[in-house]
């Protein structure tokens, strides 16, 4: 049986990060940390998250799972019928990959393990 992965992060994509940030601050009291013009992290929404700048339109939020063993998680996702949509890549804090499950939802898995 594969290791259980928990939902760890929710990533919104916005055509206007400043307006999205202002909305979430006013409507829900969320706070943010800026990581440059293309990304802000959500600090206090009950689950970690962020808002990424859109590259050509908005998309549904990206649910991000955490795995201690990124390679094993990738193998398990593919073996279960998932399709890799973005190969493993480094980002500040770790590595991650994206995949689409058979019903069409895109998810990501990240790990702190070095690349």
PDB file of N, CA and C in Angstrom:
ATOM      1  N   UNK A   1       0.844  -1.171   0.000  1.00  0.00           N
ATOM      2  CA  UNK A   1       0.000   0.000   0.000  1.00  0.00           C
ATOM      3  C   UNK A   1       0.895   1.242   0.000  1.00  0.00           C
ATOM      4  N   UNK A   2       0.608   2.223  -0.867  1.00  0.00           N
ATOM      5  CA  UNK A   2       1.439   3.433  -0.921  1.00  0.00           C
ATOM      6  C   UNK A   2       1.271   4.274   0.344  1.00  0.00           C
ATOM      7  N   UNK A   3       2.242   5.128   0.595  1.00  0.00           N
ATOM      8  CA  UNK A   3       2.169   6.040   1.733  1.00  0.00           C
ATOM      9  C   UNK A   3       1.006   7.001   1.545  1.00  0.00           C
ATOM     10  N   UNK A   4       0.316   7.315   2.636  1.00  0.00           N
ATOM     11  CA  UNK A   4      -0.778   8.276   2.572  1.00  0.00           C
ATOM     12  C   UNK A   4      -0.198   9.676   2.454  1.00  0.00           C
ATOM     13  N   UNK A   5      -0.728  10.478   1.530  1.00  0.00           N
ATOM     14  CA  UNK A   5      -0.287  11.857   1.379  1.00  0.00           C
ATOM     15  C   UNK A   5      -1.415  12.783   1.822  1.00  0.00           C
ATOM     16  N   UNK A   6      -1.075  13.788   2.627  1.00  0.00           N
ATOM     17  CA  UNK A   6      -2.055  14.754   3.104  1.00  0.00           C
ATOM     18  C   UNK A   6      -2.060  15.998   2.231  1.00  0.00           C
ATOM     19  N   UNK A   7      -3.229  16.652   2.149  1.00  0.00           N
ATOM     20  CA  UNK A   7      -3.295  17.949   1.492  1.00  0.00           C
ATOM     21  C   UNK A   7      -2.485  18.909   2.343  1.00  0.00           C
ATOM     22  N   UNK A   8      -1.550  19.613   1.699  1.00  0.00           N
ATOM     23  CA  UNK A   8      -0.601  20.437   2.420  1.00  0.00           C
ATOM     24  C   UNK A   8      -0.683  21.903   2.022  1.00  0.00           C
ATOM     25  N   UNK A   9      -1.207  22.197   0.826  1.00  0.00           N
ATOM     26  CA  UNK A   9      -1.102  23.546   0.274  1.00  0.00           C
ATOM     27  C   UNK A   9      -2.169  23.725  -0.784  1.00  0.00           C
ATOM     28  N   UNK A  10      -2.745  24.900  -0.860  1.00  0.00           N
ATOM     29  CA  UNK A  10      -3.708  25.231  -1.914  1.00  0.00           C
ATOM     30  C   UNK A  10      -3.173  26.456  -2.635  1.00  0.00           C
ATOM     31  N   UNK A  11      -3.036  26.337  -3.951  1.00  0.00           N
ATOM     32  CA  UNK A  11      -2.467  27.429  -4.730  1.00  0.00           C
ATOM     33  C   UNK A  11      -3.502  27.975  -5.712  1.00  0.00           C
ATOM     34  N   UNK A  12      -3.854  29.247  -5.512  1.00  0.00           N
ATOM     35  CA  UNK A  12      -4.762  29.934  -6.427  1.00  0.00           C
ATOM     36  C   UNK A  12      -3.939  30.546  -7.552  1.00  0.00           C
ATOM     37  N   UNK A  13      -4.559  30.718  -8.709  1.00  0.00           N
ATOM     38  CA  UNK A  13      -3.940  31.420  -9.830  1.00  0.00           C
ATOM     39  C   UNK A  13      -4.815  32.622 -10.121  1.00  0.00           C
ATOM     40  N   UNK A  14      -4.202  33.785 -10.254  1.00  0.00           N
ATOM     41  CA  UNK A  14      -4.954  35.031 -10.398  1.00  0.00           C
ATOM     42  C   UNK A  14      -4.430  35.864 -11.556  1.00  0.00           C
ATOM     43  N   UNK A  15      -5.337  36.521 -12.249  1.00  0.00           N
ATOM     44  CA  UNK A  15      -4.921  37.457 -13.297  1.00  0.00           C
ATOM     45  C   UNK A  15      -4.490  38.781 -12.687  1.00  0.00           C
ATOM     46  N   UNK A  16      -4.790  39.015 -11.403  1.00  0.00           N
ATOM     47  CA  UNK A  16      -4.420  40.246 -10.710  1.00  0.00           C
ATOM     48  C   UNK A  16      -4.181  39.916  -9.229  1.00  0.00           C
ATOM     49  N   UNK A  17      -2.939  39.576  -8.914  1.00  0.00           N
ATOM     50  CA  UNK A  17      -2.608  39.152  -7.558  1.00  0.00           C
ATOM     51  C   UNK A  17      -2.994  40.216  -6.527  1.00  0.00           C
ATOM     52  N   UNK A  18      -2.714  41.474  -6.810  1.00  0.00           N
ATOM     53  CA  UNK A  18      -3.004  42.536  -5.840  1.00  0.00           C
ATOM     54  C   UNK A  18      -4.490  42.589  -5.509  1.00  0.00           C
ATOM     55  N   UNK A  19      -5.334  42.466  -6.516  1.00  0.00           N
ATOM     56  CA  UNK A  19      -6.783  42.504  -6.271  1.00  0.00           C
ATOM     57  C   UNK A  19      -7.249  41.254  -5.538  1.00  0.00           C
ATOM     58  N   UNK A  20      -6.696  40.088  -5.897  1.00  0.00           N
ATOM     59  CA  UNK A  20      -7.058  38.862  -5.187  1.00  0.00           C
ATOM     60  C   UNK A  20      -6.625  38.954  -3.725  1.00  0.00           C
ATOM     61  N   UNK A  21      -5.408  39.424  -3.494  1.00  0.00           N
ATOM     62  CA  UNK A  21      -4.901  39.562  -2.134  1.00  0.00           C
ATOM     63  C   UNK A  21      -5.789  40.511  -1.335  1.00  0.00           C
ATOM     64  N   UNK A  22      -6.132  41.661  -1.909  1.00  0.00           N
ATOM     65  CA  UNK A  22      -6.980  42.628  -1.213  1.00  0.00           C
ATOM     66  C   UNK A  22      -8.342  42.016  -0.882  1.00  0.00           C
ATOM     67  N   UNK A  23      -8.906  41.253  -1.814  1.00  0.00           N
ATOM     68  CA  UNK A  23     -10.194  40.607  -1.571  1.00  0.00           C
ATOM     69  C   UNK A  23     -10.109  39.652  -0.388  1.00  0.00           C
ATOM     70  N   UNK A  24      -9.128  38.747  -0.400  1.00  0.00           N
ATOM     71  CA  UNK A  24      -9.008  37.757   0.671  1.00  0.00           C
ATOM     72  C   UNK A  24      -8.703  38.412   2.023  1.00  0.00           C
ATOM     73  N   UNK A  25      -7.926  39.505   2.002  1.00  0.00           N
ATOM     74  CA  UNK A  25      -7.660  40.230   3.249  1.00  0.00           C
ATOM     75  C   UNK A  25      -8.951  40.821   3.808  1.00  0.00           C
ATOM     76  N   UNK A  26      -9.718  41.492   2.950  1.00  0.00           N
ATOM     77  CA  UNK A  26     -10.944  42.150   3.400  1.00  0.00           C
ATOM     78  C   UNK A  26     -12.048  41.155   3.744  1.00  0.00           C
ATOM     79  N   UNK A  27     -12.249  40.170   2.899  1.00  0.00           N
ATOM     80  CA  UNK A  27     -13.367  39.238   3.084  1.00  0.00           C
ATOM     81  C   UNK A  27     -13.109  38.221   4.196  1.00  0.00           C
ATOM     82  N   UNK A  28     -11.861  37.742   4.323  1.00  0.00           N
ATOM     83  CA  UNK A  28     -11.587  36.626   5.219  1.00  0.00           C
ATOM     84  C   UNK A  28     -10.508  36.897   6.273  1.00  0.00           C
ATOM     85  N   UNK A  29      -9.866  38.062   6.219  1.00  0.00           N
ATOM     86  CA  UNK A  29      -8.846  38.389   7.197  1.00  0.00           C
ATOM     87  C   UNK A  29      -7.527  37.673   6.996  1.00  0.00           C
ATOM     88  N   UNK A  30      -7.293  37.108   5.805  1.00  0.00           N
ATOM     89  CA  UNK A  30      -6.039  36.410   5.551  1.00  0.00           C
ATOM     90  C   UNK A  30      -4.895  37.420   5.471  1.00  0.00           C
ATOM     91  N   UNK A  31      -3.688  36.989   5.796  1.00  0.00           N
ATOM     92  CA  UNK A  31      -2.476  37.791   5.672  1.00  0.00           C
ATOM     93  C   UNK A  31      -1.549  37.112   4.667  1.00  0.00           C
ATOM     94  N   UNK A  32      -0.596  37.885   4.131  1.00  0.00           N
ATOM     95  CA  UNK A  32       0.231  37.387   3.033  1.00  0.00           C
ATOM     96  C   UNK A  32       1.695  37.748   3.217  1.00  0.00           C
ATOM     97  N   UNK A  33       2.557  36.951   2.597  1.00  0.00           N
ATOM     98  CA  UNK A  33       3.978  37.237   2.480  1.00  0.00           C
ATOM     99  C   UNK A  33       4.302  37.259   0.993  1.00  0.00           C
ATOM    100  N   UNK A  34       4.898  38.352   0.537  1.00  0.00           N
ATOM    101  CA  UNK A  34       5.230  38.492  -0.887  1.00  0.00           C
ATOM    102  C   UNK A  34       6.560  37.807  -1.195  1.00  0.00           C
ATOM    103  N   UNK A  35       6.578  37.093  -2.316  1.00  0.00           N
ATOM    104  CA  UNK A  35       7.811  36.484  -2.827  1.00  0.00           C
ATOM    105  C   UNK A  35       8.119  37.048  -4.207  1.00  0.00           C
ATOM    106  N   UNK A  36       7.870  38.331  -4.407  1.00  0.00           N
ATOM    107  CA  UNK A  36       8.119  38.978  -5.679  1.00  0.00           C
ATOM    108  C   UNK A  36       6.812  39.288  -6.382  1.00  0.00           C
ATOM    109  N   UNK A  37       6.906  39.830  -7.589  1.00  0.00           N
ATOM    110  CA  UNK A  37       5.691  40.277  -8.280  1.00  0.00           C
ATOM    111  C   UNK A  37       4.781  39.140  -8.753  1.00  0.00           C
ATOM    112  N   UNK A  38       5.278  37.924  -8.779  1.00  0.00           N
ATOM    113  CA  UNK A  38       4.480  36.830  -9.320  1.00  0.00           C
ATOM    114  C   UNK A  38       3.929  35.841  -8.314  1.00  0.00           C
ATOM    115  N   UNK A  39       4.146  36.109  -6.982  1.00  0.00           N
ATOM    116  CA  UNK A  39       3.676  35.121  -6.014  1.00  0.00           C
ATOM    117  C   UNK A  39       3.556  35.729  -4.623  1.00  0.00           C
ATOM    118  N   UNK A  40       2.453  35.412  -3.931  1.00  0.00           N
ATOM    119  CA  UNK A  40       2.302  35.726  -2.514  1.00  0.00           C
ATOM    120  C   UNK A  40       1.852  34.466  -1.796  1.00  0.00           C
ATOM    121  N   UNK A  41       2.386  34.263  -0.594  1.00  0.00           N
ATOM    122  CA  UNK A  41       1.983  33.128   0.232  1.00  0.00           C
ATOM    123  C   UNK A  41       0.883  33.571   1.187  1.00  0.00           C
ATOM    124  N   UNK A  42      -0.061  32.684   1.434  1.00  0.00           N
ATOM    125  CA  UNK A  42      -1.131  32.941   2.394  1.00  0.00           C
ATOM    126  C   UNK A  42      -0.640  32.456   3.752  1.00  0.00           C
ATOM    127  N   UNK A  43      -0.723  33.322   4.753  1.00  0.00           N
ATOM    128  CA  UNK A  43      -0.134  33.000   6.051  1.00  0.00           C
ATOM    129  C   UNK A  43      -1.090  32.400   7.078  1.00  0.00           C
ATOM    130  N   UNK A  44      -2.367  32.703   7.051  1.00  0.00           N
ATOM    131  CA  UNK A  44      -3.225  32.279   8.164  1.00  0.00           C
ATOM    132  C   UNK A  44      -4.640  31.926   7.713  1.00  0.00           C
ATOM    133  N   UNK A  45      -4.753  30.989   6.797  1.00  0.00           N
ATOM    134  CA  UNK A  45      -6.073  30.617   6.283  1.00  0.00           C
ATOM    135  C   UNK A  45      -6.506  29.226   6.740  1.00  0.00           C
ATOM    136  N   UNK A  46      -5.798  28.635   7.685  1.00  0.00           N
ATOM    137  CA  UNK A  46      -6.152  27.300   8.167  1.00  0.00           C
ATOM    138  C   UNK A  46      -5.409  26.191   7.449  1.00  0.00           C
ATOM    139  N   UNK A  47      -4.908  26.463   6.265  1.00  0.00           N
ATOM    140  CA  UNK A  47      -4.048  25.561   5.506  1.00  0.00           C
ATOM    141  C   UNK A  47      -3.079  26.461   4.745  1.00  0.00           C
ATOM    142  N   UNK A  48      -1.854  26.017   4.548  1.00  0.00           N
ATOM    143  CA  UNK A  48      -0.898  26.830   3.799  1.00  0.00           C
ATOM    144  C   UNK A  48      -1.378  26.997   2.368  1.00  0.00           C
ATOM    145  N   UNK A  49      -1.022  28.125   1.772  1.00  0.00           N
ATOM    146  CA  UNK A  49      -1.439  28.367   0.402  1.00  0.00           C
ATOM    147  C   UNK A  49      -0.728  29.555  -0.183  1.00  0.00           C
ATOM    148  N   UNK A  50      -1.091  29.871  -1.420  1.00  0.00           N
ATOM    149  CA  UNK A  50      -0.499  31.002  -2.103  1.00  0.00           C
ATOM    150  C   UNK A  50      -1.329  31.409  -3.295  1.00  0.00           C
ATOM    151  N   UNK A  51      -0.918  32.528  -3.891  1.00  0.00           N
ATOM    152  CA  UNK A  51      -1.548  33.020  -5.110  1.00  0.00           C
ATOM    153  C   UNK A  51      -0.438  33.265  -6.116  1.00  0.00           C
ATOM    154  N   UNK A  52      -0.530  32.609  -7.263  1.00  0.00           N
ATOM    155  CA  UNK A  52       0.449  32.762  -8.336  1.00  0.00           C
ATOM    156  C   UNK A  52      -0.136  33.629  -9.437  1.00  0.00           C
ATOM    157  N   UNK A  53       0.725  34.395 -10.091  1.00  0.00           N
ATOM    158  CA  UNK A  53       0.303  35.216 -11.216  1.00  0.00           C
ATOM    159  C   UNK A  53      -0.098  34.325 -12.385  1.00  0.00           C
ATOM    160  N   UNK A  54      -1.218  34.619 -12.988  1.00  0.00           N
ATOM    161  CA  UNK A  54      -1.712  33.871 -14.138  1.00  0.00           C
ATOM    162  C   UNK A  54      -0.796  34.061 -15.338  1.00  0.00           C
ATOM    163  N   UNK A  55      -0.665  33.005 -16.103  1.00  0.00           N
ATOM    164  CA  UNK A  55       0.072  33.074 -17.370  1.00  0.00           C
ATOM    165  C   UNK A  55      -0.891  32.780 -18.501  1.00  0.00           C
ATOM    166  N   UNK A  56      -1.950  33.582 -18.620  1.00  0.00           N
ATOM    167  CA  UNK A  56      -2.895  33.394 -19.713  1.00  0.00           C
ATOM    168  C   UNK A  56      -4.261  32.923 -19.258  1.00  0.00           C
ATOM    169  N   UNK A  57      -4.750  33.427 -18.166  1.00  0.00           N
ATOM    170  CA  UNK A  57      -6.082  33.058 -17.704  1.00  0.00           C
ATOM    171  C   UNK A  57      -6.040  32.366 -16.370  1.00  0.00           C
ATOM    172  N   UNK A  58      -7.185  32.302 -15.737  1.00  0.00           N
ATOM    173  CA  UNK A  58      -7.257  31.639 -14.446  1.00  0.00           C
ATOM    174  C   UNK A  58      -7.580  30.167 -14.640  1.00  0.00           C
ATOM    175  N   UNK A  59      -7.216  29.389 -13.658  1.00  0.00           N
ATOM    176  CA  UNK A  59      -7.464  27.950 -13.657  1.00  0.00           C
ATOM    177  C   UNK A  59      -7.984  27.583 -12.268  1.00  0.00           C
ATOM    178  N   UNK A  60      -8.562  26.401 -12.101  1.00  0.00           N
ATOM    179  CA  UNK A  60      -8.997  26.003 -10.762  1.00  0.00           C
ATOM    180  C   UNK A  60      -7.816  25.979  -9.797  1.00  0.00           C
ATOM    181  N   UNK A  61      -8.082  26.163  -8.504  1.00  0.00           N
ATOM    182  CA  UNK A  61      -6.981  26.089  -7.530  1.00  0.00           C
ATOM    183  C   UNK A  61      -6.232  24.767  -7.644  1.00  0.00           C
ATOM    184  N   UNK A  62      -4.941  24.829  -7.378  1.00  0.00           N
ATOM    185  CA  UNK A  62      -4.086  23.649  -7.401  1.00  0.00           C
ATOM    186  C   UNK A  62      -3.949  23.122  -5.989  1.00  0.00           C
ATOM    187  N   UNK A  63      -4.336  21.879  -5.761  1.00  0.00           N
ATOM    188  CA  UNK A  63      -4.171  21.235  -4.471  1.00  0.00           C
ATOM    189  C   UNK A  63      -2.791  20.588  -4.463  1.00  0.00           C
ATOM    190  N   UNK A  64      -2.024  20.860  -3.427  1.00  0.00           N
ATOM    191  CA  UNK A  64      -0.654  20.360  -3.336  1.00  0.00           C
ATOM    192  C   UNK A  64      -0.550  19.408  -2.145  1.00  0.00           C
ATOM    193  N   UNK A  65      -0.042  18.214  -2.414  1.00  0.00           N
ATOM    194  CA  UNK A  65       0.160  17.191  -1.393  1.00  0.00           C
ATOM    195  C   UNK A  65       1.627  17.189  -0.989  1.00  0.00           C
ATOM    196  N   UNK A  66       1.918  16.660   0.208  1.00  0.00           N
ATOM    197  CA  UNK A  66       3.299  16.546   0.652  1.00  0.00           C
ATOM    198  C   UNK A  66       3.690  15.076   0.713  1.00  0.00           C
ATOM    199  N   UNK A  67       4.913  14.760   0.242  1.00  0.00           N
ATOM    200  CA  UNK A  67       5.446  13.394   0.312  1.00  0.00           C
ATOM    201  C   UNK A  67       6.881  13.446   0.809  1.00  0.00           C
ATOM    202  N   UNK A  68       7.212  12.573   1.733  1.00  0.00           N
ATOM    203  CA  UNK A  68       8.597  12.467   2.184  1.00  0.00           C
ATOM    204  C   UNK A  68       9.480  11.923   1.062  1.00  0.00           C
ATOM    205  N   UNK A  69       8.917  11.038   0.229  1.00  0.00           N
ATOM    206  CA  UNK A  69       9.652  10.428  -0.881  1.00  0.00           C
ATOM    207  C   UNK A  69       8.968  10.824  -2.188  1.00  0.00           C
ATOM    208  N   UNK A  70       9.486  11.846  -2.844  1.00  0.00           N
ATOM    209  CA  UNK A  70       8.861  12.387  -4.049  1.00  0.00           C
ATOM    210  C   UNK A  70       8.846  11.380  -5.193  1.00  0.00           C
ATOM    211  N   UNK A  71       9.938  10.640  -5.376  1.00  0.00           N
ATOM    212  CA  UNK A  71       9.995   9.656  -6.459  1.00  0.00           C
ATOM    213  C   UNK A  71       8.955   8.559  -6.269  1.00  0.00           C
ATOM    214  N   UNK A  72       8.791   8.090  -5.037  1.00  0.00           N
ATOM    215  CA  UNK A  72       7.789   7.050  -4.764  1.00  0.00           C
ATOM    216  C   UNK A  72       6.376   7.581  -5.002  1.00  0.00           C
ATOM    217  N   UNK A  73       6.127   8.831  -4.619  1.00  0.00           N
ATOM    218  CA  UNK A  73       4.803   9.419  -4.837  1.00  0.00           C
ATOM    219  C   UNK A  73       4.513   9.564  -6.330  1.00  0.00           C
ATOM    220  N   UNK A  74       5.509   9.964  -7.096  1.00  0.00           N
ATOM    221  CA  UNK A  74       5.335  10.095  -8.544  1.00  0.00           C
ATOM    222  C   UNK A  74       5.044   8.730  -9.163  1.00  0.00           C
ATOM    223  N   UNK A  75       5.799   7.734  -8.774  1.00  0.00           N
ATOM    224  CA  UNK A  75       5.570   6.380  -9.299  1.00  0.00           C
ATOM    225  C   UNK A  75       4.171   5.880  -8.955  1.00  0.00           C
ATOM    226  N   UNK A  76       3.725   6.132  -7.716  1.00  0.00           N
ATOM    227  CA  UNK A  76       2.395   5.688  -7.295  1.00  0.00           C
ATOM    228  C   UNK A  76       1.298   6.401  -8.077  1.00  0.00           C
ATOM    229  N   UNK A  77       1.456   7.701  -8.310  1.00  0.00           N
ATOM    230  CA  UNK A  77       0.451   8.460  -9.058  1.00  0.00           C
ATOM    231  C   UNK A  77       0.337   7.937 -10.488  1.00  0.00           C
ATOM    232  N   UNK A  78       1.463   7.677 -11.121  1.00  0.00           N
ATOM    233  CA  UNK A  78       1.462   7.174 -12.506  1.00  0.00           C
ATOM    234  C   UNK A  78       0.911   5.751 -12.557  1.00  0.00           C
ATOM    235  N   UNK A  79       1.309   4.905 -11.617  1.00  0.00           N
ATOM    236  CA  UNK A  79       0.837   3.515 -11.583  1.00  0.00           C
ATOM    237  C   UNK A  79      -0.675   3.442 -11.391  1.00  0.00           C
ATOM    238  N   UNK A  80      -1.251   4.435 -10.692  1.00  0.00           N
ATOM    239  CA  UNK A  80      -2.691   4.442 -10.437  1.00  0.00           C
ATOM    240  C   UNK A  80      -3.486   5.074 -11.579  1.00  0.00           C
ATOM    241  N   UNK A  81      -2.798   5.491 -12.649  1.00  0.00           N
ATOM    242  CA  UNK A  81      -3.498   6.044 -13.810  1.00  0.00           C
ATOM    243  C   UNK A  81      -3.334   7.537 -13.984  1.00  0.00           C
ATOM    244  N   UNK A  82      -2.525   8.178 -13.132  1.00  0.00           N
ATOM    245  CA  UNK A  82      -2.272   9.609 -13.285  1.00  0.00           C
ATOM    246  C   UNK A  82      -1.360   9.875 -14.473  1.00  0.00           C
ATOM    247  N   UNK A  83      -1.477  11.083 -15.022  1.00  0.00           N
ATOM    248  CA  UNK A  83      -0.652  11.492 -16.160  1.00  0.00           C
ATOM    249  C   UNK A  83       0.199  12.680 -15.718  1.00  0.00           C
ATOM    250  N   UNK A  84       1.503  12.559 -15.867  1.00  0.00           N
ATOM    251  CA  UNK A  84       2.422  13.624 -15.499  1.00  0.00           C
ATOM    252  C   UNK A  84       2.169  14.837 -16.394  1.00  0.00           C
ATOM    253  N   UNK A  85       1.925  16.008 -15.784  1.00  0.00           N
ATOM    254  CA  UNK A  85       1.708  17.229 -16.560  1.00  0.00           C
ATOM    255  C   UNK A  85       2.869  18.209 -16.421  1.00  0.00           C
ATOM    256  N   UNK A  86       3.688  18.028 -15.395  1.00  0.00           N
ATOM    257  CA  UNK A  86       4.886  18.850 -15.212  1.00  0.00           C
ATOM    258  C   UNK A  86       5.904  18.020 -14.451  1.00  0.00           C
ATOM    259  N   UNK A  87       7.010  17.666 -15.091  1.00  0.00           N
ATOM    260  CA  UNK A  87       8.027  16.843 -14.434  1.00  0.00           C
ATOM    261  C   UNK A  87       8.583  17.527 -13.192  1.00  0.00           C
ATOM    262  N   UNK A  88       9.264  16.771 -12.367  1.00  0.00           N
ATOM    263  CA  UNK A  88       9.849  17.312 -11.140  1.00  0.00           C
ATOM    264  C   UNK A  88      10.698  18.539 -11.439  1.00  0.00           C
ATOM    265  N   UNK A  89      10.550  19.551 -10.579  1.00  0.00           N
ATOM    266  CA  UNK A  89      11.329  20.776 -10.711  1.00  0.00           C
ATOM    267  C   UNK A  89      11.628  21.327  -9.318  1.00  0.00           C
ATOM    268  N   UNK A  90      12.709  22.083  -9.224  1.00  0.00           N
ATOM    269  CA  UNK A  90      13.088  22.723  -7.975  1.00  0.00           C
ATOM    270  C   UNK A  90      12.322  24.028  -7.815  1.00  0.00           C
ATOM    271  N   UNK A  91      12.014  24.379  -6.575  1.00  0.00           N
ATOM    272  CA  UNK A  91      11.443  25.675  -6.236  1.00  0.00           C
ATOM    273  C   UNK A  91      11.964  26.020  -4.851  1.00  0.00           C
ATOM    274  N   UNK A  92      11.847  27.280  -4.419  1.00  0.00           N
ATOM    275  CA  UNK A  92      12.342  27.614  -3.078  1.00  0.00           C
ATOM    276  C   UNK A  92      11.651  26.750  -2.019  1.00  0.00           C
ATOM    277  N   UNK A  93      12.412  25.918  -1.354  1.00  0.00           N
ATOM    278  CA  UNK A  93      11.862  25.058  -0.318  1.00  0.00           C
ATOM    279  C   UNK A  93      11.836  23.587  -0.661  1.00  0.00           C
ATOM    280  N   UNK A  94      12.052  23.224  -1.932  1.00  0.00           N
ATOM    281  CA  UNK A  94      12.035  21.800  -2.271  1.00  0.00           C
ATOM    282  C   UNK A  94      11.905  21.517  -3.752  1.00  0.00           C
ATOM    283  N   UNK A  95      11.233  20.390  -4.040  1.00  0.00           N
ATOM    284  CA  UNK A  95      10.959  19.949  -5.411  1.00  0.00           C
ATOM    285  C   UNK A  95       9.502  19.543  -5.490  1.00  0.00           C
ATOM    286  N   UNK A  96       8.929  19.605  -6.697  1.00  0.00           N
ATOM    287  CA  UNK A  96       7.567  19.111  -6.872  1.00  0.00           C
ATOM    288  C   UNK A  96       7.340  18.683  -8.304  1.00  0.00           C
ATOM    289  N   UNK A  97       6.241  17.945  -8.500  1.00  0.00           N
ATOM    290  CA  UNK A  97       5.769  17.583  -9.829  1.00  0.00           C
ATOM    291  C   UNK A  97       4.257  17.768  -9.845  1.00  0.00           C
ATOM    292  N   UNK A  98       3.692  17.859 -11.062  1.00  0.00           N
ATOM    293  CA  UNK A  98       2.244  17.988 -11.226  1.00  0.00           C
ATOM    294  C   UNK A  98       1.743  16.788 -12.026  1.00  0.00           C
ATOM    295  N   UNK A  99       0.502  16.387 -11.752  1.00  0.00           N
ATOM    296  CA  UNK A  99      -0.109  15.296 -12.502  1.00  0.00           C
ATOM    297  C   UNK A  99      -1.611  15.521 -12.592  1.00  0.00           C
ATOM    298  N   UNK A 100      -2.230  14.860 -13.553  1.00  0.00           N
ATOM    299  CA  UNK A 100      -3.680  14.897 -13.707  1.00  0.00           C
ATOM    300  C   UNK A 100      -4.217  13.516 -13.374  1.00  0.00           C
ATOM    301  N   UNK A 101      -5.182  13.475 -12.448  1.00  0.00           N
ATOM    302  CA  UNK A 101      -5.800  12.196 -12.102  1.00  0.00           C
ATOM    303  C   UNK A 101      -6.833  11.850 -13.172  1.00  0.00           C
ATOM    304  N   UNK A 102      -7.285  10.587 -13.259  1.00  0.00           N
ATOM    305  CA  UNK A 102      -8.154  10.158 -14.361  1.00  0.00           C
ATOM    306  C   UNK A 102      -9.440  10.956 -14.526  1.00  0.00           C
ATOM    307  N   UNK A 103      -9.937  11.605 -13.472  1.00  0.00           N
ATOM    308  CA  UNK A 103     -11.143  12.412 -13.576  1.00  0.00           C
ATOM    309  C   UNK A 103     -10.901  13.813 -14.092  1.00  0.00           C
ATOM    310  N   UNK A 104      -9.626  14.181 -14.315  1.00  0.00           N
ATOM    311  CA  UNK A 104      -9.310  15.464 -14.928  1.00  0.00           C
ATOM    312  C   UNK A 104      -8.731  16.522 -14.003  1.00  0.00           C
ATOM    313  N   UNK A 105      -8.686  16.291 -12.698  1.00  0.00           N
ATOM    314  CA  UNK A 105      -8.147  17.286 -11.776  1.00  0.00           C
ATOM    315  C   UNK A 105      -6.628  17.264 -11.764  1.00  0.00           C
ATOM    316  N   UNK A 106      -6.027  18.443 -11.806  1.00  0.00           N
ATOM    317  CA  UNK A 106      -4.574  18.525 -11.695  1.00  0.00           C
ATOM    318  C   UNK A 106      -4.213  18.742 -10.229  1.00  0.00           C
ATOM    319  N   UNK A 107      -3.206  18.011  -9.762  1.00  0.00           N
ATOM    320  CA  UNK A 107      -2.679  18.138  -8.419  1.00  0.00           C
ATOM    321  C   UNK A 107      -1.164  18.225  -8.510  1.00  0.00           C
ATOM    322  N   UNK A 108      -0.542  18.593  -7.401  1.00  0.00           N
ATOM    323  CA  UNK A 108       0.912  18.615  -7.322  1.00  0.00           C
ATOM    324  C   UNK A 108       1.336  17.886  -6.064  1.00  0.00           C
ATOM    325  N   UNK A 109       2.552  17.380  -6.076  1.00  0.00           N
ATOM    326  CA  UNK A 109       3.149  16.755  -4.894  1.00  0.00           C
ATOM    327  C   UNK A 109       4.505  17.400  -4.703  1.00  0.00           C
ATOM    328  N   UNK A 110       4.819  17.777  -3.464  1.00  0.00           N
ATOM    329  CA  UNK A 110       6.119  18.393  -3.185  1.00  0.00           C
ATOM    330  C   UNK A 110       6.825  17.665  -2.059  1.00  0.00           C
ATOM    331  N   UNK A 111       8.119  17.903  -1.990  1.00  0.00           N
ATOM    332  CA  UNK A 111       8.953  17.328  -0.935  1.00  0.00           C
ATOM    333  C   UNK A 111      10.100  18.287  -0.645  1.00  0.00           C
ATOM    334  N   UNK A 112      10.607  18.210   0.549  1.00  0.00           N
ATOM    335  CA  UNK A 112      11.768  19.013   0.919  1.00  0.00           C
ATOM    336  C   UNK A 112      13.065  18.370   0.453  1.00  0.00           C
ATOM    337  N   UNK A 113      12.983  17.146  -0.065  1.00  0.00           N
ATOM    338  CA  UNK A 113      14.196  16.442  -0.459  1.00  0.00           C
ATOM    339  C   UNK A 113      14.936  17.206  -1.547  1.00  0.00           C
ATOM    340  N   UNK A 114      16.249  17.184  -1.533  1.00  0.00           N
ATOM    341  CA  UNK A 114      17.018  17.904  -2.553  1.00  0.00           C
ATOM    342  C   UNK A 114      16.875  17.268  -3.933  1.00  0.00           C
ATOM    343  N   UNK A 115      17.091  18.099  -4.943  1.00  0.00           N
ATOM    344  CA  UNK A 115      16.979  17.645  -6.322  1.00  0.00           C
ATOM    345  C   UNK A 115      18.160  16.860  -6.788  1.00  0.00           C
TER     346      UNK A 115
END
